[in-house]
Every structure is written in structure tokens, then in C-alpha cells.
């Protein structure tokens, strides 16, 4: 088996660099997303049959 020298193999360097960058971006994406679920906030509303009339 032939030993690959990293200094003389531009294609191998490019592939390793691309893999490292993609791995770093993937890890940043995974750790930056908030995976915790939070209890949703429920508001309270009043339902009217009709709009109230303002007395003068």
C-alpha cells in the first residue's frame, strides 16, 4: 500500500479541509439550536356577543 504524503497531495488536503469545515458547521448548527421544549404561554380572552355600546 502506498503511503500518501499530505504535503504533496493537494487533492487530499482540499478534501480534508472541506470535511473539517463541514464538520465544524454541522457541530455549530447542532449546538446552536434550542432543543429544549418549553411550556407554551396561553393568554386569556373575553368573548362578547356584541360590541358594547358607549353611553353618553
Protein backbone atom coordinates (compact mmCIF):
# COMPACT_ATOMS: atom_id res chain seq x y z
CA UNK A 1 0.00 0.00 0.00
CA UNK A 2 1.32 3.38 -1.00
CA UNK A 3 1.80 5.95 1.79
CA UNK A 4 0.17 9.29 0.95
CA UNK A 5 2.18 12.35 1.85
CA UNK A 6 -0.01 15.24 2.88
CA UNK A 7 2.45 17.93 1.77
CA UNK A 8 2.49 16.84 -1.87
CA UNK A 9 -1.15 15.83 -2.31
CA UNK A 10 -3.28 18.91 -3.00
CA UNK A 11 -6.47 16.91 -3.61
CA UNK A 12 -6.18 15.15 -0.24
CA UNK A 13 -5.56 18.48 1.50
CA UNK A 14 -8.63 20.01 -0.15
CA UNK A 15 -10.82 17.04 0.77
CA UNK A 16 -9.66 17.02 4.40
CA UNK A 17 -10.14 20.79 4.69
CA UNK A 18 -13.64 20.55 3.20
CA UNK A 19 -14.53 17.72 5.58
CA UNK A 20 -13.24 19.67 8.59
CA UNK A 21 -15.20 22.81 7.64
CA UNK A 22 -18.41 20.86 7.05
CA UNK A 23 -17.98 19.04 10.36
CA UNK A 24 -17.44 22.34 12.19
CA UNK A 25 -20.52 23.90 10.59
CA UNK A 26 -22.60 20.84 11.44
CA UNK A 27 -21.49 20.97 15.09
CA UNK A 28 -22.26 24.70 15.31
CA UNK A 29 -25.71 24.04 13.86
CA UNK A 30 -26.41 21.22 16.34
CA UNK A 31 -25.31 23.17 19.42
CA UNK A 32 -26.90 26.48 18.43
CA UNK A 33 -30.44 25.11 18.11
CA UNK A 34 -32.51 25.22 21.32
CA UNK A 35 -33.63 21.61 21.69
CA UNK A 36 -35.45 22.19 24.98
CA UNK A 37 -39.20 22.26 24.84
CA UNK A 38 -40.91 24.97 26.82
CA UNK A 39 -44.48 25.10 28.08
CA UNK A 40 -46.43 27.39 25.76
CA UNK A 41 -47.95 30.56 27.19
CA UNK A 42 -51.72 30.66 26.97
CA UNK A 43 -53.44 34.04 27.04
CA UNK A 44 -56.92 34.72 28.35
CA UNK A 45 -59.60 36.50 26.30
CA UNK A 46 -63.17 37.62 26.83
CA UNK A 47 -65.76 36.68 24.25
CA UNK A 48 -68.67 39.10 23.76
CA UNK A 49 -71.93 38.51 21.94
CA UNK A 50 -71.82 42.04 20.54
CA UNK A 51 -69.74 45.16 20.75
CA UNK A 52 -70.63 47.17 23.88
CA UNK A 53 -72.43 50.47 23.26
CA UNK A 54 -70.93 53.55 24.83
CA UNK A 55 -73.47 55.63 26.81
CA UNK A 56 -73.35 59.41 26.50
